[in-house]
Amino acid sequence: GEGPRICIGLRFGVMQSKVGLVSILKNFRVTLSSKTKLPLKIDVNSFIPTTEGGMWLNLERIGK
C-alpha cells in the first residue's frame, strides 16, 4: 500500500521522472510530428493505455 514505509526507490524513481520531464520542457519546444495520426485513438488491446500507431513528437532546442 501507499504510506511512509513504501519502497523508497519508488518515490526516488517518480522524482527522477519529474526532474527529467521538467528538464526536457525547459530546454526544448515539443510539437506533434506529422507522423502522428490524428485524431488520436486509444489502442483497446494494450494493457497500458497507448495510442494506435504511437504518438510521435518533435523536439527543438530552445536558445543556444
PDB file of N, CA and C in Angstrom:
ATOM      1  N   GLY A   1       0.795  -1.188   0.000  1.00  0.00           N
ATOM      2  CA  GLY A   1       0.000   0.000   0.000  1.00  0.00           C
ATOM      3  C   GLY A   1       0.840   1.256   0.000  1.00  0.00           C
ATOM      4  N   GLU A   2       0.164   2.349  -0.065  1.00  0.00           N
ATOM      5  CA  GLU A   2       0.812   3.657  -0.012  1.00  0.00           C
ATOM      6  C   GLU A   2       1.081   4.031   1.435  1.00  0.00           C
ATOM      7  N   GLY A   3       1.993   4.911   1.666  1.00  0.00           N
ATOM      8  CA  GLY A   3       2.281   5.351   3.020  1.00  0.00           C
ATOM      9  C   GLY A   3       3.756   5.628   3.210  1.00  0.00           C
ATOM     10  N   PRO A   4       4.136   6.015   4.423  1.00  0.00           N
ATOM     11  CA  PRO A   4       5.522   6.412   4.671  1.00  0.00           C
ATOM     12  C   PRO A   4       6.526   5.268   4.551  1.00  0.00           C
ATOM     13  N   ARG A   5       6.073   4.033   4.644  1.00  0.00           N
ATOM     14  CA  ARG A   5       7.011   2.904   4.588  1.00  0.00           C
ATOM     15  C   ARG A   5       7.088   2.249   3.209  1.00  0.00           C
ATOM     16  N   ILE A   6       6.471   2.875   2.228  1.00  0.00           N
ATOM     17  CA  ILE A   6       6.531   2.322   0.875  1.00  0.00           C
ATOM     18  C   ILE A   6       7.983   2.340   0.391  1.00  0.00           C
ATOM     19  N   CYS A   7       8.307   1.529  -0.558  1.00  0.00           N
ATOM     20  CA  CYS A   7       9.665   1.418  -1.099  1.00  0.00           C
ATOM     21  C   CYS A   7      10.228   2.801  -1.441  1.00  0.00           C
ATOM     22  N   ILE A   8      11.407   3.146  -0.894  1.00  0.00           N
ATOM     23  CA  ILE A   8      11.980   4.472  -1.166  1.00  0.00           C
ATOM     24  C   ILE A   8      12.408   4.589  -2.624  1.00  0.00           C
ATOM     25  N   GLY A   9      12.676   3.474  -3.260  1.00  0.00           N
ATOM     26  CA  GLY A   9      13.053   3.504  -4.669  1.00  0.00           C
ATOM     27  C   GLY A   9      11.923   3.987  -5.555  1.00  0.00           C
ATOM     28  N   LEU A  10      10.689   3.686  -5.178  1.00  0.00           N
ATOM     29  CA  LEU A  10       9.539   4.128  -5.953  1.00  0.00           C
ATOM     30  C   LEU A  10       9.451   5.646  -5.959  1.00  0.00           C
ATOM     31  N   ARG A  11       9.550   6.258  -4.795  1.00  0.00           N
ATOM     32  CA  ARG A  11       9.472   7.725  -4.713  1.00  0.00           C
ATOM     33  C   ARG A  11      10.644   8.375  -5.431  1.00  0.00           C
ATOM     34  N   PHE A  12      11.831   7.778  -5.316  1.00  0.00           N
ATOM     35  CA  PHE A  12      13.008   8.307  -5.993  1.00  0.00           C
ATOM     36  C   PHE A  12      12.820   8.226  -7.510  1.00  0.00           C
ATOM     37  N   GLY A  13      12.288   7.119  -7.992  1.00  0.00           N
ATOM     38  CA  GLY A  13      12.048   6.958  -9.420  1.00  0.00           C
ATOM     39  C   GLY A  13      11.041   7.961  -9.957  1.00  0.00           C
ATOM     40  N   VAL A  14       9.973   8.193  -9.215  1.00  0.00           N
ATOM     41  CA  VAL A  14       8.967   9.179  -9.621  1.00  0.00           C
ATOM     42  C   VAL A  14       9.592  10.570  -9.650  1.00  0.00           C
ATOM     43  N   MET A  15      10.407  10.894  -8.638  1.00  0.00           N
ATOM     44  CA  MET A  15      11.066  12.197  -8.599  1.00  0.00           C
ATOM     45  C   MET A  15      12.006  12.363  -9.793  1.00  0.00           C
ATOM     46  N   GLN A  16      12.776  11.328 -10.121  1.00  0.00           N
ATOM     47  CA  GLN A  16      13.697  11.390 -11.253  1.00  0.00           C
ATOM     48  C   GLN A  16      12.930  11.585 -12.564  1.00  0.00           C
ATOM     49  N   SER A  17      11.785  10.947 -12.702  1.00  0.00           N
ATOM     50  CA  SER A  17      10.962  11.110 -13.901  1.00  0.00           C
ATOM     51  C   SER A  17      10.476  12.547 -14.029  1.00  0.00           C
ATOM     52  N   LYS A  18      10.058  13.130 -12.921  1.00  0.00           N
ATOM     53  CA  LYS A  18       9.591  14.519 -12.934  1.00  0.00           C
ATOM     54  C   LYS A  18      10.722  15.474 -13.281  1.00  0.00           C
ATOM     55  N   VAL A  19      11.901  15.254 -12.706  1.00  0.00           N
ATOM     56  CA  VAL A  19      13.062  16.104 -12.997  1.00  0.00           C
ATOM     57  C   VAL A  19      13.422  16.004 -14.478  1.00  0.00           C
ATOM     58  N   GLY A  20      13.394  14.795 -15.023  1.00  0.00           N
ATOM     59  CA  GLY A  20      13.700  14.608 -16.438  1.00  0.00           C
ATOM     60  C   GLY A  20      12.703  15.305 -17.340  1.00  0.00           C
ATOM     61  N   LEU A  21      11.418  15.198 -17.024  1.00  0.00           N
ATOM     62  CA  LEU A  21      10.383  15.843 -17.825  1.00  0.00           C
ATOM     63  C   LEU A  21      10.515  17.362 -17.775  1.00  0.00           C
ATOM     64  N   VAL A  22      10.760  17.915 -16.593  1.00  0.00           N
ATOM     65  CA  VAL A  22      10.936  19.363 -16.452  1.00  0.00           C
ATOM     66  C   VAL A  22      12.152  19.823 -17.247  1.00  0.00           C
ATOM     67  N   SER A  23      13.223  19.048 -17.217  1.00  0.00           N
ATOM     68  CA  SER A  23      14.428  19.390 -17.962  1.00  0.00           C
ATOM     69  C   SER A  23      14.151  19.429 -19.466  1.00  0.00           C
ATOM     70  N   ILE A  24      13.398  18.460 -19.965  1.00  0.00           N
ATOM     71  CA  ILE A  24      13.048  18.448 -21.387  1.00  0.00           C
ATOM     72  C   ILE A  24      12.183  19.653 -21.732  1.00  0.00           C
ATOM     73  N   LEU A  25      11.158  19.919 -20.925  1.00  0.00           N
ATOM     74  CA  LEU A  25      10.248  21.029 -21.210  1.00  0.00           C
ATOM     75  C   LEU A  25      10.932  22.383 -21.079  1.00  0.00           C
ATOM     76  N   LYS A  26      11.965  22.467 -20.240  1.00  0.00           N
ATOM     77  CA  LYS A  26      12.693  23.719 -20.048  1.00  0.00           C
ATOM     78  C   LYS A  26      13.629  24.012 -21.222  1.00  0.00           C
ATOM     79  N   ASN A  27      14.171  22.968 -21.836  1.00  0.00           N
ATOM     80  CA  ASN A  27      15.199  23.153 -22.855  1.00  0.00           C
ATOM     81  C   ASN A  27      14.741  22.891 -24.288  1.00  0.00           C
ATOM     82  N   PHE A  28      13.534  22.383 -24.466  1.00  0.00           N
ATOM     83  CA  PHE A  28      13.069  22.042 -25.805  1.00  0.00           C
ATOM     84  C   PHE A  28      11.638  22.511 -26.025  1.00  0.00           C
ATOM     85  N   ARG A  29      11.345  22.833 -27.281  1.00  0.00           N
ATOM     86  CA  ARG A  29       9.965  23.095 -27.681  1.00  0.00           C
ATOM     87  C   ARG A  29       9.439  21.781 -28.231  1.00  0.00           C
ATOM     88  N   VAL A  30       8.349  21.297 -27.682  1.00  0.00           N
ATOM     89  CA  VAL A  30       7.795  19.993 -28.051  1.00  0.00           C
ATOM     90  C   VAL A  30       6.564  20.212 -28.923  1.00  0.00           C
ATOM     91  N   THR A  31       6.592  19.623 -30.125  1.00  0.00           N
ATOM     92  CA  THR A  31       5.452  19.718 -31.036  1.00  0.00           C
ATOM     93  C   THR A  31       5.102  18.326 -31.550  1.00  0.00           C
ATOM     94  N   LEU A  32       3.890  18.184 -32.028  1.00  0.00           N
ATOM     95  CA  LEU A  32       3.418  16.918 -32.575  1.00  0.00           C
ATOM     96  C   LEU A  32       3.996  16.736 -33.977  1.00  0.00           C
ATOM     97  N   SER A  33       4.525  15.558 -34.260  1.00  0.00           N
ATOM     98  CA  SER A  33       5.098  15.256 -35.570  1.00  0.00           C
ATOM     99  C   SER A  33       3.993  14.956 -36.574  1.00  0.00           C
ATOM    100  N   SER A  34       4.315  15.140 -37.847  1.00  0.00           N
ATOM    101  CA  SER A  34       3.342  14.821 -38.901  1.00  0.00           C
ATOM    102  C   SER A  34       3.129  13.312 -39.018  1.00  0.00           C
ATOM    103  N   LYS A  35       4.029  12.500 -38.423  1.00  0.00           N
ATOM    104  CA  LYS A  35       3.870  11.039 -38.436  1.00  0.00           C
ATOM    105  C   LYS A  35       2.741  10.577 -37.510  1.00  0.00           C
ATOM    106  N   THR A  36       2.321  11.433 -36.576  1.00  0.00           N
ATOM    107  CA  THR A  36       1.256  11.078 -35.637  1.00  0.00           C
ATOM    108  C   THR A  36      -0.088  11.144 -36.349  1.00  0.00           C
ATOM    109  N   LYS A  37      -0.849  10.064 -36.254  1.00  0.00           N
ATOM    110  CA  LYS A  37      -2.154  10.013 -36.908  1.00  0.00           C
ATOM    111  C   LYS A  37      -3.193  10.704 -36.031  1.00  0.00           C
ATOM    112  N   LEU A  38      -3.903  11.676 -36.623  1.00  0.00           N
ATOM    113  CA  LEU A  38      -4.962  12.395 -35.917  1.00  0.00           C
ATOM    114  C   LEU A  38      -6.303  12.005 -36.504  1.00  0.00           C
ATOM    115  N   PRO A  39      -7.372  11.936 -35.749  1.00  0.00           N
ATOM    116  CA  PRO A  39      -7.417  12.110 -34.299  1.00  0.00           C
ATOM    117  C   PRO A  39      -6.798  10.903 -33.600  1.00  0.00           C
ATOM    118  N   LEU A  40      -6.274  11.135 -32.411  1.00  0.00           N
ATOM    119  CA  LEU A  40      -5.653  10.066 -31.641  1.00  0.00           C
ATOM    120  C   LEU A  40      -6.709   9.047 -31.226  1.00  0.00           C
ATOM    121  N   LYS A  41      -6.375   7.770 -31.385  1.00  0.00           N
ATOM    122  CA  LYS A  41      -7.283   6.693 -30.980  1.00  0.00           C
ATOM    123  C   LYS A  41      -6.563   5.814 -29.975  1.00  0.00           C
ATOM    124  N   ILE A  42      -7.252   5.470 -28.904  1.00  0.00           N
ATOM    125  CA  ILE A  42      -6.682   4.613 -27.867  1.00  0.00           C
ATOM    126  C   ILE A  42      -6.648   3.167 -28.362  1.00  0.00           C
ATOM    127  N   ASP A  43      -5.519   2.505 -28.162  1.00  0.00           N
ATOM    128  CA  ASP A  43      -5.373   1.093 -28.517  1.00  0.00           C
ATOM    129  C   ASP A  43      -6.048   0.257 -27.433  1.00  0.00           C
ATOM    130  N   VAL A  44      -7.214  -0.281 -27.750  1.00  0.00           N
ATOM    131  CA  VAL A  44      -8.000  -1.020 -26.753  1.00  0.00           C
ATOM    132  C   VAL A  44      -7.385  -2.374 -26.410  1.00  0.00           C
ATOM    133  N   ASN A  45      -6.469  -2.876 -27.229  1.00  0.00           N
ATOM    134  CA  ASN A  45      -5.839  -4.171 -26.977  1.00  0.00           C
ATOM    135  C   ASN A  45      -4.599  -4.067 -26.100  1.00  0.00           C
ATOM    136  N   SER A  46      -4.202  -2.860 -25.757  1.00  0.00           N
ATOM    137  CA  SER A  46      -2.998  -2.650 -24.965  1.00  0.00           C
ATOM    138  C   SER A  46      -3.330  -2.667 -23.473  1.00  0.00           C
ATOM    139  N   PHE A  47      -2.439  -3.273 -22.672  1.00  0.00           N
ATOM    140  CA  PHE A  47      -2.625  -3.304 -21.219  1.00  0.00           C
ATOM    141  C   PHE A  47      -2.482  -1.905 -20.633  1.00  0.00           C
ATOM    142  N   ILE A  48      -1.485  -1.163 -21.122  1.00  0.00           N
ATOM    143  CA  ILE A  48      -1.265   0.222 -20.700  1.00  0.00           C
ATOM    144  C   ILE A  48      -1.898   1.118 -21.762  1.00  0.00           C
ATOM    145  N   PRO A  49      -2.713   2.103 -21.374  1.00  0.00           N
ATOM    146  CA  PRO A  49      -3.357   2.955 -22.373  1.00  0.00           C
ATOM    147  C   PRO A  49      -2.326   3.665 -23.261  1.00  0.00           C
ATOM    148  N   THR A  50      -2.351   3.326 -24.549  1.00  0.00           N
ATOM    149  CA  THR A  50      -1.476   3.952 -25.534  1.00  0.00           C
ATOM    150  C   THR A  50      -2.302   4.290 -26.761  1.00  0.00           C
ATOM    151  N   THR A  51      -1.719   5.081 -27.649  1.00  0.00           N
ATOM    152  CA  THR A  51      -2.415   5.432 -28.877  1.00  0.00           C
ATOM    153  C   THR A  51      -2.046   4.451 -29.980  1.00  0.00           C
ATOM    154  N   GLU A  52      -2.982   4.221 -30.883  1.00  0.00           N
ATOM    155  CA  GLU A  52      -2.712   3.357 -32.035  1.00  0.00           C
ATOM    156  C   GLU A  52      -1.675   4.044 -32.916  1.00  0.00           C
ATOM    157  N   GLY A  53      -0.611   3.341 -33.249  1.00  0.00           N
ATOM    158  CA  GLY A  53       0.437   3.916 -34.096  1.00  0.00           C
ATOM    159  C   GLY A  53       1.416   4.791 -33.338  1.00  0.00           C
ATOM    160  N   GLY A  54       1.214   4.975 -32.060  1.00  0.00           N
ATOM    161  CA  GLY A  54       2.123   5.781 -31.249  1.00  0.00           C
ATOM    162  C   GLY A  54       1.867   7.271 -31.381  1.00  0.00           C
ATOM    163  N   MET A  55       2.559   8.035 -30.562  1.00  0.00           N
ATOM    164  CA  MET A  55       2.472   9.488 -30.606  1.00  0.00           C
ATOM    165  C   MET A  55       3.886  10.013 -30.850  1.00  0.00           C
ATOM    166  N   TRP A  56       4.118  10.503 -32.047  1.00  0.00           N
ATOM    167  CA  TRP A  56       5.437  10.982 -32.439  1.00  0.00           C
ATOM    168  C   TRP A  56       5.559  12.468 -32.114  1.00  0.00           C
ATOM    169  N   LEU A  57       6.702  12.847 -31.543  1.00  0.00           N
ATOM    170  CA  LEU A  57       6.936  14.231 -31.150  1.00  0.00           C
ATOM    171  C   LEU A  57       8.207  14.760 -31.792  1.00  0.00           C
ATOM    172  N   ASN A  58       8.235  16.070 -32.027  1.00  0.00           N
ATOM    173  CA  ASN A  58       9.442  16.758 -32.470  1.00  0.00           C
ATOM    174  C   ASN A  58       9.974  17.557 -31.293  1.00  0.00           C
ATOM    175  N   LEU A  59      11.286  17.518 -31.085  1.00  0.00           N
ATOM    176  CA  LEU A  59      11.928  18.314 -30.044  1.00  0.00           C
ATOM    177  C   LEU A  59      12.863  19.303 -30.712  1.00  0.00           C
ATOM    178  N   GLU A  60      12.655  20.597 -30.433  1.00  0.00           N
ATOM    179  CA  GLU A  60      13.508  21.644 -30.987  1.00  0.00           C
ATOM    180  C   GLU A  60      14.153  22.390 -29.825  1.00  0.00           C
ATOM    181  N   ARG A  61      15.485  22.411 -29.806  1.00  0.00           N
ATOM    182  CA  ARG A  61      16.211  23.045 -28.710  1.00  0.00           C
ATOM    183  C   ARG A  61      15.862  24.532 -28.632  1.00  0.00           C
ATOM    184  N   ILE A  62      15.623  25.012 -27.421  1.00  0.00           N
ATOM    185  CA  ILE A  62      15.315  26.417 -27.177  1.00  0.00           C
ATOM    186  C   ILE A  62      16.620  27.144 -26.867  1.00  0.00           C
ATOM    187  N   GLY A  63      16.836  28.280 -27.524  1.00  0.00           N
ATOM    188  CA  GLY A  63      18.037  29.072 -27.249  1.00  0.00           C
ATOM    189  C   GLY A  63      19.304  28.409 -27.744  1.00  0.00           C
ATOM    190  N   LYS A  64      20.400  28.827 -27.166  1.00  0.00           N
ATOM    191  CA  LYS A  64      21.748  28.333 -27.506  1.00  0.00           C
ATOM    192  C   LYS A  64      21.861  28.036 -28.961  1.00  0.00           C
TER     193      LYS A  64
END
